[in-house]
Amino acid sequence: MGDVTSLARSAQEAPEDLRRALIRLGLLQPDARVPFVPLTGGVSSDIWRVDLPTGPVCIKRALSRLKVAAEWNAPVERNAFEADYFRVAGAAAPGSVPTLFGQDEESGSLVMAFLDPAGHPVWKAELHAGRADPVFAAMVADRLVRIHAATADDPMIAARFPTDAIFHAIRLEPYLLATARAHPDRADVLQAVAAETAATRRVLVHGDVSPKNILVGPDGPVILDAECAWYGDPAFDLAFCLNHLLLKCLWTPAAASGFLACFDTLATLYLGGVAWEAPAELERRAARLLPGLLLARVDGKSPVEYLTAEADRDRVRGVARVLLGAPVGRLGAVRAAWSDMLTREGWTL
């Protein structure tokens, strides 16, 4: 939900509650004054770079009202679960998340390492530039499946993430259920997909595995922004990421074949690492989710900002609505429907 690498132009007066949070966490002396530089890119949090005497960090505070056109509220206690996700995921797949320095309950903020954009470009920007690398997509699949495998069917991890209400508020309702209201003739299937997702509790889910939340680090992907952390359905993380790879075809058409190659690699390698349940069952759930997520990114509460042409939004609606009307059980079938649409529209794949 937030891009912690994009610097705004100038430092601002330190928000007093966040300065006190740094003091409580032992990261700042009470009489010290340090610059706070706002970072841009997120809709759900305020994020700053703070240059401490020990080096730069990011401090992030969750917002109760998200910065989108539609009314979208979310519990601010999600910040504590984001911090806990970083702890668990960092142990399961070292290097896959930023280093966490602390979480302050009083201010609803967390402090993590600042990763210099010069060495950690955002995957979304790389994709927009046409740099669609299946090798990197394979690394994303590897880190994601390692986090899922390490937390699968673990009641102790499940007990640390009692976040059903948060996940409903910031994922199921604004994506699937809001989209169901916009497409009443597909409401039954969208509501059924939401209900199945909510009822499936197998692994620790990130909930926002989007290219804007993944940095291309020198040692592999670094996954940011775990505000949606939830013990639930791993198919959501898989489908959420694959959805963005399809949509990028409309944003950067010249790289469409590369995005589809990334889709194939990520899906294949992820499913090849699934051992906690039958991979075909997880794939079935992901294949049902994916059309709903496609449609949500044009008609839900959080439409992607780069699909500005109505013709592109109609392309998404056309594929998604057909697949929702006749659900498929394989991700390859979703990919085939998407590539068929691109071919009909004149894309060279």
Protein backbone atom coordinates (compact mmCIF):
# COMPACT_ATOMS: atom_id res chain seq x y z
CA MET A 1 0.00 0.00 0.00
CA GLY A 2 2.91 2.34 0.39
CA ASP A 3 6.11 2.92 -1.54
CA VAL A 4 8.82 3.64 1.02
CA THR A 5 11.43 4.49 -1.60
CA SER A 6 9.93 7.57 -3.26
CA LEU A 7 11.19 10.77 -1.65
CA ALA A 8 9.17 13.95 -1.48
CA ARG A 9 11.06 17.19 -2.11
CA SER A 10 11.73 18.68 1.31
CA ALA A 11 11.94 17.93 5.01
CA GLN A 12 9.08 18.92 7.29
CA GLU A 13 8.63 19.62 10.97
CA ALA A 14 8.66 16.31 12.81
CA PRO A 15 5.16 15.12 13.78
CA GLU A 16 5.38 15.28 17.56
CA ASP A 17 3.66 11.96 18.19
CA LEU A 18 6.14 10.19 15.91
CA ARG A 19 9.12 11.95 17.43
CA ARG A 20 7.93 10.70 20.83
CA ALA A 21 7.49 7.21 19.37
CA LEU A 22 11.14 7.18 18.30
CA ILE A 23 12.12 8.24 21.81
CA ARG A 24 10.01 5.49 23.41
CA LEU A 25 11.61 2.92 21.11
CA GLY A 26 15.07 4.08 22.19
CA LEU A 27 15.96 5.25 18.68
CA LEU A 28 16.15 8.98 19.43
CA GLN A 29 17.38 11.03 22.39
CA PRO A 30 14.69 13.26 23.99
CA ASP A 31 16.49 16.50 23.14
CA ALA A 32 17.45 15.51 19.60
CA ARG A 33 15.94 17.15 16.52
CA VAL A 34 16.05 15.26 13.24
CA PRO A 35 14.44 15.98 9.85
CA PHE A 36 11.33 14.09 8.74
CA VAL A 37 11.06 13.77 4.95
CA PRO A 38 7.62 12.61 3.74
CA LEU A 39 7.60 9.69 1.32
CA THR A 40 4.99 9.35 -1.37
CA GLY A 41 3.13 6.50 -3.01
CA GLY A 42 0.80 5.03 -0.41
CA VAL A 43 -2.93 5.44 0.22
CA SER A 44 -3.23 3.77 3.62
CA SER A 45 -0.42 5.27 5.69
CA ASP A 46 1.72 8.31 6.27
CA ILE A 47 5.40 7.42 5.80
CA TRP A 48 8.54 9.44 6.51
CA ARG A 49 12.25 9.01 6.13
CA VAL A 50 14.01 10.04 9.33
CA ASP A 51 17.77 10.56 9.37
CA LEU A 52 18.75 9.34 12.81
CA PRO A 53 22.31 9.70 14.09
CA THR A 54 22.69 5.96 13.47
CA GLY A 55 21.41 6.18 9.89
CA PRO A 56 18.18 6.63 7.93
CA VAL A 57 14.99 4.76 8.85
CA CYS A 58 11.37 4.79 7.74
CA ILE A 59 8.57 5.43 10.19
CA LYS A 60 5.06 4.51 9.08
CA ARG A 61 1.72 5.40 10.68
CA ALA A 62 -1.52 3.74 9.61
CA LEU A 63 -4.47 5.93 8.59
CA SER A 64 -8.05 5.20 9.57
CA ARG A 65 -9.41 6.75 6.33
CA LEU A 66 -7.57 5.68 3.18
CA LYS A 67 -6.60 8.24 0.56
CA VAL A 68 -8.85 7.05 -2.28
CA ALA A 69 -11.90 8.53 -3.97
CA ALA A 70 -14.36 6.04 -2.48
CA GLU A 71 -15.05 6.03 1.25
CA TRP A 72 -12.73 3.36 2.63
CA ASN A 73 -12.03 3.03 6.34
CA ALA A 74 -9.72 0.51 8.00
CA PRO A 75 -8.71 -0.30 11.59
CA VAL A 76 -5.43 1.37 12.56
CA GLU A 77 -4.38 -1.57 14.74
CA ARG A 78 -3.29 -3.28 11.53
CA ASN A 79 0.05 -1.54 12.08
CA ALA A 80 0.93 -3.93 14.92
CA PHE A 81 0.14 -6.95 12.77
CA GLU A 82 2.26 -5.56 9.95
CA ALA A 83 5.21 -5.41 12.33
CA ASP A 84 4.55 -8.99 13.43
CA TYR A 85 4.38 -10.12 9.81
CA PHE A 86 7.86 -8.72 9.26
CA ARG A 87 9.11 -10.68 12.28
CA VAL A 88 7.60 -13.97 11.11
CA ALA A 89 8.39 -13.59 7.41
CA GLY A 90 11.91 -12.41 8.11
CA ALA A 91 12.57 -15.58 10.10
CA ALA A 92 10.96 -17.81 7.45
CA ALA A 93 12.73 -16.22 4.46
CA PRO A 94 15.66 -14.03 5.58
CA GLY A 95 16.05 -10.91 3.48
CA SER A 96 12.49 -11.07 2.15
CA VAL A 97 11.24 -8.10 4.24
CA PRO A 98 12.81 -4.90 5.62
CA THR A 99 14.60 -5.02 8.95
CA LEU A 100 12.16 -3.99 11.70
CA PHE A 101 13.47 -1.68 14.44
CA GLY A 102 10.31 -1.46 16.51
CA GLN A 103 6.57 -0.89 16.71
CA ASP A 104 4.93 1.75 18.90
CA GLU A 105 1.37 0.97 19.91
CA GLU A 106 0.62 4.42 21.34
CA SER A 107 1.18 6.19 18.02
CA GLY A 108 0.21 3.26 15.79
CA SER A 109 3.54 3.41 14.00
CA LEU A 110 6.41 1.11 13.10
CA VAL A 111 10.03 1.81 12.29
CA MET A 112 11.96 -0.14 9.68
CA ALA A 113 15.11 0.13 7.61
CA PHE A 114 15.20 2.71 4.85
CA LEU A 115 16.25 1.02 1.62
CA ASP A 116 17.94 3.36 -0.81
CA PRO A 117 16.04 3.41 -4.12
CA ALA A 118 19.33 3.50 -6.00
CA GLY A 119 19.93 -0.10 -4.99
CA HIS A 120 16.33 -1.16 -4.43
CA PRO A 121 14.13 -0.01 -7.32
CA VAL A 122 10.42 -0.74 -7.11
CA TRP A 123 9.36 -3.74 -9.20
CA LYS A 124 6.36 -1.81 -10.51
CA ALA A 125 8.66 0.82 -12.01
CA GLU A 126 10.84 -1.88 -13.54
CA LEU A 127 7.80 -3.52 -15.13
CA HIS A 128 6.48 -0.21 -16.44
CA ALA A 129 9.87 0.32 -18.11
CA GLY A 130 9.43 -3.02 -19.87
CA ARG A 131 11.96 -4.91 -17.76
CA ALA A 132 9.94 -8.08 -17.24
CA ASP A 133 12.40 -10.62 -15.88
CA PRO A 134 11.09 -14.18 -15.29
CA VAL A 135 14.16 -14.89 -13.14
CA PHE A 136 13.04 -12.20 -10.69
CA ALA A 137 9.46 -13.50 -10.83
CA ALA A 138 10.85 -16.90 -9.85
CA MET A 139 12.54 -15.31 -6.84
CA VAL A 140 9.25 -13.70 -5.80
CA ALA A 141 7.58 -17.12 -6.03
CA ASP A 142 10.34 -18.69 -3.95
CA ARG A 143 10.14 -16.16 -1.13
CA LEU A 144 6.36 -16.20 -1.05
CA VAL A 145 6.07 -19.98 -0.95
CA ARG A 146 8.76 -20.20 1.75
CA ILE A 147 6.81 -17.83 3.99
CA HIS A 148 3.61 -19.79 3.36
CA ALA A 149 5.26 -23.16 3.94
CA ALA A 150 6.92 -22.06 7.19
CA THR A 151 3.60 -20.93 8.64
CA ALA A 152 1.25 -23.58 7.22
CA ASP A 153 -1.23 -25.12 9.64
CA ASP A 154 0.53 -23.55 12.62
CA PRO A 155 -1.95 -22.73 15.41
CA MET A 156 0.58 -20.55 17.21
CA ILE A 157 1.08 -18.34 14.16
CA ALA A 158 -2.67 -18.29 13.54
CA ALA A 159 -3.25 -17.06 17.09
CA ARG A 160 -0.87 -14.13 16.50
CA PHE A 161 -2.97 -12.86 13.57
CA PRO A 162 -6.64 -12.64 14.64
CA THR A 163 -7.21 -10.20 11.78
CA ASP A 164 -10.32 -11.48 10.03
CA ALA A 165 -12.13 -8.16 10.55
CA ILE A 166 -9.17 -6.16 9.23
CA PHE A 167 -8.78 -8.39 6.17
CA HIS A 168 -12.49 -8.07 5.46
CA ALA A 169 -12.32 -4.28 5.77
CA ILE A 170 -9.30 -3.72 3.55
CA ARG A 171 -9.45 -6.63 1.12
CA LEU A 172 -12.67 -8.62 0.82
CA GLU A 173 -15.11 -5.72 1.11
CA PRO A 174 -13.40 -3.08 -1.09
CA TYR A 175 -12.29 -5.58 -3.71
CA LEU A 176 -14.73 -8.46 -4.09
CA LEU A 177 -17.88 -7.28 -2.34
CA ALA A 178 -17.80 -3.72 -3.67
CA THR A 179 -17.28 -5.16 -7.14
CA ALA A 180 -20.25 -7.47 -6.59
CA ARG A 181 -22.41 -4.39 -5.98
CA ALA A 182 -21.13 -2.84 -9.21
CA HIS A 183 -21.90 -6.04 -11.19
CA PRO A 184 -25.11 -7.48 -9.72
CA ASP A 185 -25.31 -10.18 -12.40
CA ARG A 186 -21.96 -11.52 -11.13
CA ALA A 187 -22.66 -10.84 -7.45
CA ASP A 188 -23.40 -14.45 -6.49
CA VAL A 189 -20.06 -15.77 -7.70
CA LEU A 190 -18.08 -12.84 -6.27
CA GLN A 191 -19.76 -13.25 -2.90
CA ALA A 192 -19.08 -17.00 -2.99
CA VAL A 193 -15.40 -16.40 -3.76
CA ALA A 194 -15.18 -13.92 -0.89
CA ALA A 195 -16.84 -16.38 1.47
CA GLU A 196 -14.54 -19.24 0.48
CA THR A 197 -11.49 -17.02 0.87
CA ALA A 198 -12.62 -15.86 4.31
CA ALA A 199 -13.22 -19.45 5.46
CA THR A 200 -9.85 -20.83 4.29
CA ARG A 201 -7.18 -20.62 7.01
CA ARG A 202 -3.93 -22.33 6.06
CA VAL A 203 -0.92 -19.93 6.12
CA LEU A 204 0.24 -16.42 7.01
CA VAL A 205 -0.97 -14.23 4.13
CA HIS A 206 0.59 -10.89 3.22
CA GLY A 207 -2.53 -9.64 1.42
CA ASP A 208 -0.92 -7.01 -0.82
CA VAL A 209 1.70 -8.82 -2.90
CA SER A 210 1.78 -6.17 -5.59
CA PRO A 211 4.75 -5.01 -7.69
CA LYS A 212 4.48 -1.60 -6.00
CA ASN A 213 5.24 -3.34 -2.69
CA ILE A 214 8.22 -5.35 -3.92
CA LEU A 215 11.71 -3.93 -4.22
CA VAL A 216 14.28 -5.36 -6.62
CA GLY A 217 17.09 -5.72 -4.11
CA PRO A 218 20.66 -6.83 -4.78
CA ASP A 219 19.93 -10.08 -2.96
CA GLY A 220 16.44 -10.61 -4.33
CA PRO A 221 12.90 -9.35 -3.68
CA VAL A 222 12.12 -7.34 -0.55
CA ILE A 223 8.41 -7.36 0.25
CA LEU A 224 6.96 -4.22 1.87
CA ASP A 225 3.64 -3.10 3.29
CA ALA A 226 2.10 -5.99 5.22
CA GLU A 227 -0.87 -4.04 6.61
CA CYS A 228 -3.24 -6.74 5.35
CA ALA A 229 -1.45 -9.56 7.22
CA TRP A 230 -3.91 -12.36 7.95
CA TYR A 231 -3.84 -16.05 8.72
CA GLY A 232 -5.85 -17.36 5.83
CA ASP A 233 -5.87 -18.44 2.20
CA PRO A 234 -2.50 -18.57 0.39
CA ALA A 235 -4.37 -18.45 -2.92
CA PHE A 236 -5.08 -14.78 -2.23
CA ASP A 237 -1.39 -13.83 -2.26
CA LEU A 238 -0.75 -15.83 -5.41
CA ALA A 239 -3.76 -14.48 -7.30
CA PHE A 240 -3.14 -10.91 -6.13
CA CYS A 241 0.37 -10.85 -7.59
CA LEU A 242 -0.57 -12.64 -10.81
CA ASN A 243 -3.40 -10.16 -11.33
CA HIS A 244 -0.92 -7.29 -11.54
CA LEU A 245 1.21 -9.10 -14.11
CA LEU A 246 -1.84 -9.40 -16.38
CA LEU A 247 -2.88 -5.78 -15.92
CA LYS A 248 0.61 -4.53 -16.73
CA CYS A 249 0.09 -5.82 -20.29
CA LEU A 250 -2.33 -2.93 -20.86
CA TRP A 251 0.03 -0.40 -19.26
CA THR A 252 3.15 -1.35 -21.22
CA PRO A 253 1.93 -3.29 -24.28
CA ALA A 254 5.40 -3.70 -25.80
CA ALA A 255 6.38 -5.92 -22.85
CA ALA A 256 3.17 -7.98 -22.73
CA SER A 257 4.92 -11.22 -23.69
CA GLY A 258 7.42 -10.65 -20.88
CA PHE A 259 4.66 -10.09 -18.34
CA LEU A 260 2.98 -13.32 -19.42
CA ALA A 261 6.31 -15.14 -19.08
CA CYS A 262 6.62 -13.76 -15.55
CA PHE A 263 3.04 -14.94 -14.86
CA ASP A 264 3.87 -18.46 -16.06
CA THR A 265 7.11 -18.66 -14.09
CA LEU A 266 5.68 -17.30 -10.85
CA ALA A 267 2.61 -19.55 -10.96
CA THR A 268 4.53 -22.69 -11.89
CA LEU A 269 7.32 -22.30 -9.35
CA TYR A 270 4.98 -21.27 -6.55
CA LEU A 271 2.66 -24.24 -7.09
CA GLY A 272 5.70 -26.51 -7.32
CA GLY A 273 6.61 -25.53 -3.76
CA VAL A 274 3.19 -26.18 -2.22
CA ALA A 275 3.33 -29.13 0.17
CA TRP A 276 0.83 -28.23 2.90
CA GLU A 277 -2.18 -29.04 0.70
CA ALA A 278 -2.89 -30.42 -2.76
CA PRO A 279 -1.45 -27.86 -5.22
CA ALA A 280 -4.41 -28.38 -7.56
CA GLU A 281 -6.84 -27.33 -4.82
CA LEU A 282 -4.89 -24.16 -4.10
CA GLU A 283 -4.70 -23.45 -7.83
CA ARG A 284 -8.47 -23.89 -8.13
CA ARG A 285 -9.07 -21.22 -5.48
CA ALA A 286 -6.54 -18.87 -7.09
CA ALA A 287 -8.11 -19.35 -10.53
CA ARG A 288 -11.53 -18.45 -9.10
CA LEU A 289 -10.15 -15.42 -7.27
CA LEU A 290 -8.17 -14.00 -10.16
CA PRO A 291 -11.09 -12.85 -12.37
CA GLY A 292 -12.70 -11.18 -9.35
CA LEU A 293 -9.48 -9.32 -8.59
CA LEU A 294 -9.14 -8.28 -12.24
CA LEU A 295 -12.63 -6.80 -12.20
CA ALA A 296 -12.00 -5.21 -8.80
CA ARG A 297 -9.10 -3.17 -10.17
CA VAL A 298 -11.45 -1.33 -12.51
CA ASP A 299 -14.78 -1.35 -10.63
CA GLY A 300 -13.89 -1.88 -6.95
CA LYS A 301 -12.90 0.73 -4.39
CA SER A 302 -9.21 0.70 -5.39
CA PRO A 303 -8.95 0.86 -9.20
CA VAL A 304 -5.44 0.84 -10.65
CA GLU A 305 -4.42 4.38 -11.49
CA TYR A 306 -2.80 3.57 -14.84
CA LEU A 307 -5.83 2.20 -16.67
CA THR A 308 -7.27 5.56 -17.66
CA ALA A 309 -8.77 4.65 -21.04
CA GLU A 310 -12.29 3.27 -20.92
CA ALA A 311 -11.35 0.87 -23.71
CA ASP A 312 -8.72 -0.73 -21.45
CA ARG A 313 -11.15 -0.98 -18.56
CA ASP A 314 -13.65 -2.62 -20.89
CA ARG A 315 -11.00 -5.16 -21.93
CA VAL A 316 -10.55 -6.13 -18.29
CA ARG A 317 -14.31 -6.31 -17.75
CA GLY A 318 -14.77 -8.48 -20.82
CA VAL A 319 -12.31 -11.17 -19.73
CA ALA A 320 -13.20 -11.07 -16.04
CA ARG A 321 -16.96 -11.23 -16.52
CA VAL A 322 -16.71 -14.23 -18.88
CA LEU A 323 -14.50 -16.11 -16.39
CA LEU A 324 -16.79 -15.25 -13.49
CA GLY A 325 -19.75 -16.52 -15.48
CA ALA A 326 -17.97 -19.77 -16.34
CA PRO A 327 -15.34 -20.35 -13.61
CA VAL A 328 -12.18 -22.30 -14.44
CA GLY A 329 -9.95 -24.32 -12.15
CA ARG A 330 -6.53 -23.71 -13.66
CA LEU A 331 -4.47 -20.54 -13.74
CA GLY A 332 -3.39 -21.44 -17.26
CA ALA A 333 -7.01 -21.10 -18.38
CA VAL A 334 -7.19 -17.56 -16.96
CA ARG A 335 -3.91 -16.71 -18.65
CA ALA A 336 -5.16 -18.17 -21.94
CA ALA A 337 -8.36 -16.11 -21.83
CA TRP A 338 -6.30 -12.97 -21.19
CA SER A 339 -3.75 -13.66 -23.95
CA ASP A 340 -6.57 -14.51 -26.39
CA MET A 341 -8.11 -11.11 -25.67
CA LEU A 342 -4.77 -9.37 -26.28
CA THR A 343 -4.28 -11.25 -29.55
CA ARG A 344 -7.75 -10.29 -30.76
CA GLU A 345 -6.98 -6.65 -29.89
CA GLY A 346 -3.81 -6.73 -31.97
CA TRP A 347 -1.11 -7.25 -29.32
CA THR A 348 1.98 -9.12 -30.50
CA LEU A 349 2.76 -11.87 -28.01
